[in-house]
Amino acid sequence: MAKRPKKDRWFIPVRGSYLPNNWLGWLTYLPFTAYLVFAAVFAWQKTDDTVQALLIAVPNWIAAAAVMTWIARHTG
């Protein structure tokens, strides 16, 4: 696959991660960040134990990060 010009990329690779490069990247990145916060707040509100909250939140964070990384890799 040919590389896109830098201005057309949604995300740019930075030290093993990806950062938004234009408005389409930010349009994708902001809901992702909001979901991570929502998952954490939901997990800690629904349980009384930190370990249980982590058992709810961490798998959600891993799945969301995997999806976001795939999107960034294919649009970057």
PDB file of N, CA and C in Angstrom:
ATOM      1  N   MET A   1       0.844  -1.176   0.000  1.00  0.00           N
ATOM      2  CA  MET A   1       0.000   0.000   0.000  1.00  0.00           C
ATOM      3  C   MET A   1       0.892   1.244   0.000  1.00  0.00           C
ATOM      4  N   ALA A   2       0.605   2.165  -0.872  1.00  0.00           N
ATOM      5  CA  ALA A   2       1.394   3.390  -0.991  1.00  0.00           C
ATOM      6  C   ALA A   2       1.117   4.296   0.212  1.00  0.00           C
ATOM      7  N   LYS A   3       2.143   5.010   0.617  1.00  0.00           N
ATOM      8  CA  LYS A   3       1.987   5.940   1.740  1.00  0.00           C
ATOM      9  C   LYS A   3       1.198   7.156   1.295  1.00  0.00           C
ATOM     10  N   ARG A   4       0.350   7.607   2.174  1.00  0.00           N
ATOM     11  CA  ARG A   4      -0.419   8.823   1.901  1.00  0.00           C
ATOM     12  C   ARG A   4       0.432  10.039   2.228  1.00  0.00           C
ATOM     13  N   PRO A   5       0.140  11.157   1.579  1.00  0.00           N
ATOM     14  CA  PRO A   5       0.807  12.397   1.992  1.00  0.00           C
ATOM     15  C   PRO A   5       0.467  12.705   3.451  1.00  0.00           C
ATOM     16  N   LYS A   6       1.385  13.309   4.171  1.00  0.00           N
ATOM     17  CA  LYS A   6       1.207  13.546   5.603  1.00  0.00           C
ATOM     18  C   LYS A   6      -0.070  14.319   5.918  1.00  0.00           C
ATOM     19  N   LYS A   7      -0.439  15.260   5.082  1.00  0.00           N
ATOM     20  CA  LYS A   7      -1.635  16.064   5.373  1.00  0.00           C
ATOM     21  C   LYS A   7      -2.931  15.269   5.216  1.00  0.00           C
ATOM     22  N   ASP A   8      -2.908  14.154   4.458  1.00  0.00           N
ATOM     23  CA  ASP A   8      -4.102  13.352   4.252  1.00  0.00           C
ATOM     24  C   ASP A   8      -4.279  12.247   5.292  1.00  0.00           C
ATOM     25  N   ARG A   9      -3.289  12.027   6.129  1.00  0.00           N
ATOM     26  CA  ARG A   9      -3.367  10.976   7.127  1.00  0.00           C
ATOM     27  C   ARG A   9      -4.257  11.408   8.290  1.00  0.00           C
ATOM     28  N   TRP A  10      -5.067  10.488   8.773  1.00  0.00           N
ATOM     29  CA  TRP A  10      -5.878  10.770   9.948  1.00  0.00           C
ATOM     30  C   TRP A  10      -5.028  10.760  11.204  1.00  0.00           C
ATOM     31  N   PHE A  11      -4.068   9.828  11.254  1.00  0.00           N
ATOM     32  CA  PHE A  11      -3.204   9.667  12.420  1.00  0.00           C
ATOM     33  C   PHE A  11      -1.752   9.584  11.971  1.00  0.00           C
ATOM     34  N   ILE A  12      -0.860  10.028  12.853  1.00  0.00           N
ATOM     35  CA  ILE A  12       0.567   9.890  12.574  1.00  0.00           C
ATOM     36  C   ILE A  12       1.180   9.025  13.677  1.00  0.00           C
ATOM     37  N   PRO A  13       2.100   8.140  13.307  1.00  0.00           N
ATOM     38  CA  PRO A  13       2.749   7.302  14.325  1.00  0.00           C
ATOM     39  C   PRO A  13       3.731   8.118  15.160  1.00  0.00           C
ATOM     40  N   VAL A  14       3.641   7.953  16.475  1.00  0.00           N
ATOM     41  CA  VAL A  14       4.522   8.648  17.406  1.00  0.00           C
ATOM     42  C   VAL A  14       4.923   7.669  18.511  1.00  0.00           C
ATOM     43  N   ARG A  15       6.189   7.251  18.514  1.00  0.00           N
ATOM     44  CA  ARG A  15       6.760   6.384  19.554  1.00  0.00           C
ATOM     45  C   ARG A  15       5.872   5.187  19.892  1.00  0.00           C
ATOM     46  N   GLY A  16       5.454   4.430  18.911  1.00  0.00           N
ATOM     47  CA  GLY A  16       4.664   3.228  19.155  1.00  0.00           C
ATOM     48  C   GLY A  16       3.185   3.471  19.355  1.00  0.00           C
ATOM     49  N   SER A  17       2.759   4.701  19.215  1.00  0.00           N
ATOM     50  CA  SER A  17       1.352   5.040  19.358  1.00  0.00           C
ATOM     51  C   SER A  17       0.941   5.878  18.148  1.00  0.00           C
ATOM     52  N   TYR A  18      -0.272   6.349  18.153  1.00  0.00           N
ATOM     53  CA  TYR A  18      -0.769   7.189  17.062  1.00  0.00           C
ATOM     54  C   TYR A  18      -1.463   8.410  17.651  1.00  0.00           C
ATOM     55  N   LEU A  19      -1.228   9.548  17.019  1.00  0.00           N
ATOM     56  CA  LEU A  19      -1.886  10.789  17.420  1.00  0.00           C
ATOM     57  C   LEU A  19      -2.679  11.341  16.246  1.00  0.00           C
ATOM     58  N   PRO A  20      -3.825  11.988  16.538  1.00  0.00           N
ATOM     59  CA  PRO A  20      -4.617  12.562  15.455  1.00  0.00           C
ATOM     60  C   PRO A  20      -3.829  13.612  14.683  1.00  0.00           C
ATOM     61  N   ASN A  21      -4.024  13.611  13.360  1.00  0.00           N
ATOM     62  CA  ASN A  21      -3.289  14.533  12.499  1.00  0.00           C
ATOM     63  C   ASN A  21      -4.207  15.552  11.836  1.00  0.00           C
ATOM     64  N   ASN A  22      -5.476  15.260  11.732  1.00  0.00           N
ATOM     65  CA  ASN A  22      -6.420  16.212  11.143  1.00  0.00           C
ATOM     66  C   ASN A  22      -7.778  16.049  11.808  1.00  0.00           C
ATOM     67  N   TRP A  23      -8.768  16.738  11.306  1.00  0.00           N
ATOM     68  CA  TRP A  23     -10.071  16.749  11.968  1.00  0.00           C
ATOM     69  C   TRP A  23     -10.738  15.378  11.950  1.00  0.00           C
ATOM     70  N   LEU A  24     -10.488  14.555  10.947  1.00  0.00           N
ATOM     71  CA  LEU A  24     -11.071  13.214  10.929  1.00  0.00           C
ATOM     72  C   LEU A  24     -10.457  12.344  12.023  1.00  0.00           C
ATOM     73  N   GLY A  25      -9.185  12.523  12.262  1.00  0.00           N
ATOM     74  CA  GLY A  25      -8.537  11.800  13.352  1.00  0.00           C
ATOM     75  C   GLY A  25      -9.096  12.205  14.702  1.00  0.00           C
ATOM     76  N   TRP A  26      -9.273  13.508  14.890  1.00  0.00           N
ATOM     77  CA  TRP A  26      -9.851  13.978  16.153  1.00  0.00           C
ATOM     78  C   TRP A  26     -11.294  13.536  16.304  1.00  0.00           C
ATOM     79  N   LEU A  27     -12.038  13.501  15.204  1.00  0.00           N
ATOM     80  CA  LEU A  27     -13.432  13.054  15.246  1.00  0.00           C
ATOM     81  C   LEU A  27     -13.519  11.592  15.676  1.00  0.00           C
ATOM     82  N   THR A  28     -12.497  10.819  15.405  1.00  0.00           N
ATOM     83  CA  THR A  28     -12.436   9.429  15.817  1.00  0.00           C
ATOM     84  C   THR A  28     -11.855   9.295  17.221  1.00  0.00           C
ATOM     85  N   TYR A  29     -10.880  10.116  17.552  1.00  0.00           N
ATOM     86  CA  TYR A  29     -10.150  10.013  18.809  1.00  0.00           C
ATOM     87  C   TYR A  29     -10.966  10.484  20.018  1.00  0.00           C
ATOM     88  N   LEU A  30     -11.754  11.522  19.868  1.00  0.00           N
ATOM     89  CA  LEU A  30     -12.522  12.047  21.002  1.00  0.00           C
ATOM     90  C   LEU A  30     -13.562  11.060  21.527  1.00  0.00           C
ATOM     91  N   PRO A  31     -14.360  10.402  20.683  1.00  0.00           N
ATOM     92  CA  PRO A  31     -15.284   9.396  21.223  1.00  0.00           C
ATOM     93  C   PRO A  31     -14.554   8.217  21.871  1.00  0.00           C
ATOM     94  N   PHE A  32     -13.399   7.849  21.336  1.00  0.00           N
ATOM     95  CA  PHE A  32     -12.581   6.791  21.934  1.00  0.00           C
ATOM     96  C   PHE A  32     -12.180   7.186  23.354  1.00  0.00           C
ATOM     97  N   THR A  33     -11.696   8.393  23.526  1.00  0.00           N
ATOM     98  CA  THR A  33     -11.297   8.871  24.850  1.00  0.00           C
ATOM     99  C   THR A  33     -12.502   8.951  25.786  1.00  0.00           C
ATOM    100  N   ALA A  34     -13.620   9.415  25.281  1.00  0.00           N
ATOM    101  CA  ALA A  34     -14.836   9.487  26.096  1.00  0.00           C
ATOM    102  C   ALA A  34     -15.276   8.085  26.531  1.00  0.00           C
ATOM    103  N   TYR A  35     -15.136   7.097  25.639  1.00  0.00           N
ATOM    104  CA  TYR A  35     -15.498   5.723  25.999  1.00  0.00           C
ATOM    105  C   TYR A  35     -14.597   5.192  27.111  1.00  0.00           C
ATOM    106  N   LEU A  36     -13.296   5.495  27.058  1.00  0.00           N
ATOM    107  CA  LEU A  36     -12.391   5.041  28.113  1.00  0.00           C
ATOM    108  C   LEU A  36     -12.796   5.627  29.465  1.00  0.00           C
ATOM    109  N   VAL A  37     -13.145   6.895  29.482  1.00  0.00           N
ATOM    110  CA  VAL A  37     -13.585   7.547  30.722  1.00  0.00           C
ATOM    111  C   VAL A  37     -14.905   6.945  31.186  1.00  0.00           C
ATOM    112  N   PHE A  38     -15.849   6.756  30.261  1.00  0.00           N
ATOM    113  CA  PHE A  38     -17.142   6.168  30.603  1.00  0.00           C
ATOM    114  C   PHE A  38     -16.973   4.775  31.197  1.00  0.00           C
ATOM    115  N   ALA A  39     -16.118   3.941  30.598  1.00  0.00           N
ATOM    116  CA  ALA A  39     -15.902   2.585  31.106  1.00  0.00           C
ATOM    117  C   ALA A  39     -15.344   2.613  32.522  1.00  0.00           C
ATOM    118  N   ALA A  40     -14.430   3.531  32.791  1.00  0.00           N
ATOM    119  CA  ALA A  40     -13.855   3.628  34.133  1.00  0.00           C
ATOM    120  C   ALA A  40     -14.900   4.090  35.149  1.00  0.00           C
ATOM    121  N   VAL A  41     -15.637   5.128  34.804  1.00  0.00           N
ATOM    122  CA  VAL A  41     -16.655   5.650  35.719  1.00  0.00           C
ATOM    123  C   VAL A  41     -17.725   4.595  35.972  1.00  0.00           C
ATOM    124  N   PHE A  42     -18.183   3.932  34.931  1.00  0.00           N
ATOM    125  CA  PHE A  42     -19.196   2.880  35.067  1.00  0.00           C
ATOM    126  C   PHE A  42     -18.691   1.754  35.966  1.00  0.00           C
ATOM    127  N   ALA A  43     -17.463   1.310  35.736  1.00  0.00           N
ATOM    128  CA  ALA A  43     -16.908   0.205  36.518  1.00  0.00           C
ATOM    129  C   ALA A  43     -16.809   0.560  37.991  1.00  0.00           C
ATOM    130  N   TRP A  44     -16.360   1.771  38.300  1.00  0.00           N
ATOM    131  CA  TRP A  44     -16.191   2.137  39.698  1.00  0.00           C
ATOM    132  C   TRP A  44     -17.529   2.468  40.372  1.00  0.00           C
ATOM    133  N   GLN A  45     -18.537   2.880  39.614  1.00  0.00           N
ATOM    134  CA  GLN A  45     -19.844   3.142  40.204  1.00  0.00           C
ATOM    135  C   GLN A  45     -20.603   1.855  40.493  1.00  0.00           C
ATOM    136  N   LYS A  46     -20.425   0.835  39.689  1.00  0.00           N
ATOM    137  CA  LYS A  46     -21.207  -0.392  39.818  1.00  0.00           C
ATOM    138  C   LYS A  46     -20.613  -1.399  40.795  1.00  0.00           C
ATOM    139  N   THR A  47     -19.394  -1.173  41.245  1.00  0.00           N
ATOM    140  CA  THR A  47     -18.777  -2.107  42.175  1.00  0.00           C
ATOM    141  C   THR A  47     -18.240  -1.369  43.392  1.00  0.00           C
ATOM    142  N   ASP A  48     -18.103  -2.118  44.477  1.00  0.00           N
ATOM    143  CA  ASP A  48     -17.549  -1.541  45.704  1.00  0.00           C
ATOM    144  C   ASP A  48     -16.074  -1.879  45.872  1.00  0.00           C
ATOM    145  N   ASP A  49     -15.586  -2.764  45.035  1.00  0.00           N
ATOM    146  CA  ASP A  49     -14.229  -3.257  45.168  1.00  0.00           C
ATOM    147  C   ASP A  49     -13.377  -2.794  43.983  1.00  0.00           C
ATOM    148  N   THR A  50     -12.175  -2.338  44.274  1.00  0.00           N
ATOM    149  CA  THR A  50     -11.282  -1.863  43.212  1.00  0.00           C
ATOM    150  C   THR A  50     -10.905  -2.976  42.252  1.00  0.00           C
ATOM    151  N   VAL A  51     -10.673  -4.168  42.760  1.00  0.00           N
ATOM    152  CA  VAL A  51     -10.294  -5.289  41.894  1.00  0.00           C
ATOM    153  C   VAL A  51     -11.424  -5.620  40.921  1.00  0.00           C
ATOM    154  N   GLN A  52     -12.646  -5.640  41.398  1.00  0.00           N
ATOM    155  CA  GLN A  52     -13.789  -5.896  40.507  1.00  0.00           C
ATOM    156  C   GLN A  52     -13.923  -4.792  39.467  1.00  0.00           C
ATOM    157  N   ALA A  53     -13.722  -3.558  39.879  1.00  0.00           N
ATOM    158  CA  ALA A  53     -13.802  -2.435  38.938  1.00  0.00           C
ATOM    159  C   ALA A  53     -12.744  -2.580  37.851  1.00  0.00           C
ATOM    160  N   LEU A  54     -11.541  -2.965  38.236  1.00  0.00           N
ATOM    161  CA  LEU A  54     -10.482  -3.172  37.248  1.00  0.00           C
ATOM    162  C   LEU A  54     -10.799  -4.340  36.324  1.00  0.00           C
ATOM    163  N   LEU A  55     -11.421  -5.383  36.860  1.00  0.00           N
ATOM    164  CA  LEU A  55     -11.798  -6.532  36.031  1.00  0.00           C
ATOM    165  C   LEU A  55     -12.876  -6.170  35.010  1.00  0.00           C
ATOM    166  N   ILE A  56     -13.631  -5.141  35.281  1.00  0.00           N
ATOM    167  CA  ILE A  56     -14.621  -4.648  34.312  1.00  0.00           C
ATOM    168  C   ILE A  56     -13.961  -3.673  33.337  1.00  0.00           C
ATOM    169  N   ALA A  57     -13.187  -2.741  33.856  1.00  0.00           N
ATOM    170  CA  ALA A  57     -12.646  -1.652  33.034  1.00  0.00           C
ATOM    171  C   ALA A  57     -11.517  -2.091  32.115  1.00  0.00           C
ATOM    172  N   VAL A  58     -10.567  -2.853  32.613  1.00  0.00           N
ATOM    173  CA  VAL A  58      -9.371  -3.167  31.834  1.00  0.00           C
ATOM    174  C   VAL A  58      -9.688  -3.928  30.539  1.00  0.00           C
ATOM    175  N   PRO A  59     -10.533  -4.963  30.550  1.00  0.00           N
ATOM    176  CA  PRO A  59     -10.853  -5.613  29.267  1.00  0.00           C
ATOM    177  C   PRO A  59     -11.510  -4.657  28.264  1.00  0.00           C
ATOM    178  N   ASN A  60     -12.319  -3.728  28.756  1.00  0.00           N
ATOM    179  CA  ASN A  60     -12.920  -2.732  27.872  1.00  0.00           C
ATOM    180  C   ASN A  60     -11.861  -1.813  27.285  1.00  0.00           C
ATOM    181  N   TRP A  61     -10.909  -1.402  28.106  1.00  0.00           N
ATOM    182  CA  TRP A  61      -9.824  -0.537  27.628  1.00  0.00           C
ATOM    183  C   TRP A  61      -8.970  -1.257  26.596  1.00  0.00           C
ATOM    184  N   ILE A  62      -8.675  -2.528  26.842  1.00  0.00           N
ATOM    185  CA  ILE A  62      -7.842  -3.295  25.900  1.00  0.00           C
ATOM    186  C   ILE A  62      -8.558  -3.453  24.563  1.00  0.00           C
ATOM    187  N   ALA A  63      -9.833  -3.804  24.611  1.00  0.00           N
ATOM    188  CA  ALA A  63     -10.596  -3.966  23.367  1.00  0.00           C
ATOM    189  C   ALA A  63     -10.691  -2.640  22.605  1.00  0.00           C
ATOM    190  N   ALA A  64     -10.970  -1.558  23.325  1.00  0.00           N
ATOM    191  CA  ALA A  64     -11.072  -0.247  22.677  1.00  0.00           C
ATOM    192  C   ALA A  64      -9.726   0.178  22.086  1.00  0.00           C
ATOM    193  N   ALA A  65      -8.643  -0.075  22.809  1.00  0.00           N
ATOM    194  CA  ALA A  65      -7.321   0.285  22.302  1.00  0.00           C
ATOM    195  C   ALA A  65      -6.964  -0.527  21.067  1.00  0.00           C
ATOM    196  N   ALA A  66      -7.346  -1.800  21.046  1.00  0.00           N
ATOM    197  CA  ALA A  66      -7.072  -2.641  19.873  1.00  0.00           C
ATOM    198  C   ALA A  66      -7.826  -2.126  18.652  1.00  0.00           C
ATOM    199  N   VAL A  67      -9.072  -1.764  18.833  1.00  0.00           N
ATOM    200  CA  VAL A  67      -9.869  -1.229  17.719  1.00  0.00           C
ATOM    201  C   VAL A  67      -9.305   0.110  17.257  1.00  0.00           C
ATOM    202  N   MET A  68      -8.970   0.975  18.198  1.00  0.00           N
ATOM    203  CA  MET A  68      -8.441   2.296  17.846  1.00  0.00           C
ATOM    204  C   MET A  68      -7.094   2.183  17.144  1.00  0.00           C
ATOM    205  N   THR A  69      -6.250   1.261  17.603  1.00  0.00           N
ATOM    206  CA  THR A  69      -4.961   1.059  16.956  1.00  0.00           C
ATOM    207  C   THR A  69      -5.138   0.559  15.531  1.00  0.00           C
ATOM    208  N   TRP A  70      -6.081  -0.346  15.339  1.00  0.00           N
ATOM    209  CA  TRP A  70      -6.354  -0.857  13.988  1.00  0.00           C
ATOM    210  C   TRP A  70      -6.821   0.280  13.074  1.00  0.00           C
ATOM    211  N   ILE A  71      -7.741   1.103  13.576  1.00  0.00           N
ATOM    212  CA  ILE A  71      -8.237   2.230  12.774  1.00  0.00           C
ATOM    213  C   ILE A  71      -7.089   3.200  12.446  1.00  0.00           C
ATOM    214  N   ALA A  72      -6.280   3.526  13.452  1.00  0.00           N
ATOM    215  CA  ALA A  72      -5.178   4.472  13.233  1.00  0.00           C
ATOM    216  C   ALA A  72      -4.147   3.908  12.261  1.00  0.00           C
ATOM    217  N   ARG A  73      -3.863   2.631  12.362  1.00  0.00           N
ATOM    218  CA  ARG A  73      -2.867   2.013  11.472  1.00  0.00           C
ATOM    219  C   ARG A  73      -3.356   2.009  10.029  1.00  0.00           C
ATOM    220  N   HIS A  74      -4.649   1.837   9.829  1.00  0.00           N
ATOM    221  CA  HIS A  74      -5.179   1.766   8.472  1.00  0.00           C
ATOM    222  C   HIS A  74      -5.531   3.129   7.871  1.00  0.00           C
ATOM    223  N   THR A  75      -5.592   4.144   8.684  1.00  0.00           N
ATOM    224  CA  THR A  75      -5.889   5.481   8.160  1.00  0.00           C
ATOM    225  C   THR A  75      -4.699   6.419   8.300  1.00  0.00           C
ATOM    226  N   GLY A  76      -3.592   5.920   8.787  1.00  0.00           N
ATOM    227  CA  GLY A  76      -2.429   6.758   9.035  1.00  0.00           C
ATOM    228  C   GLY A  76      -1.365   6.639   7.985  1.00  0.00           C
TER     229      GLY A  76
END
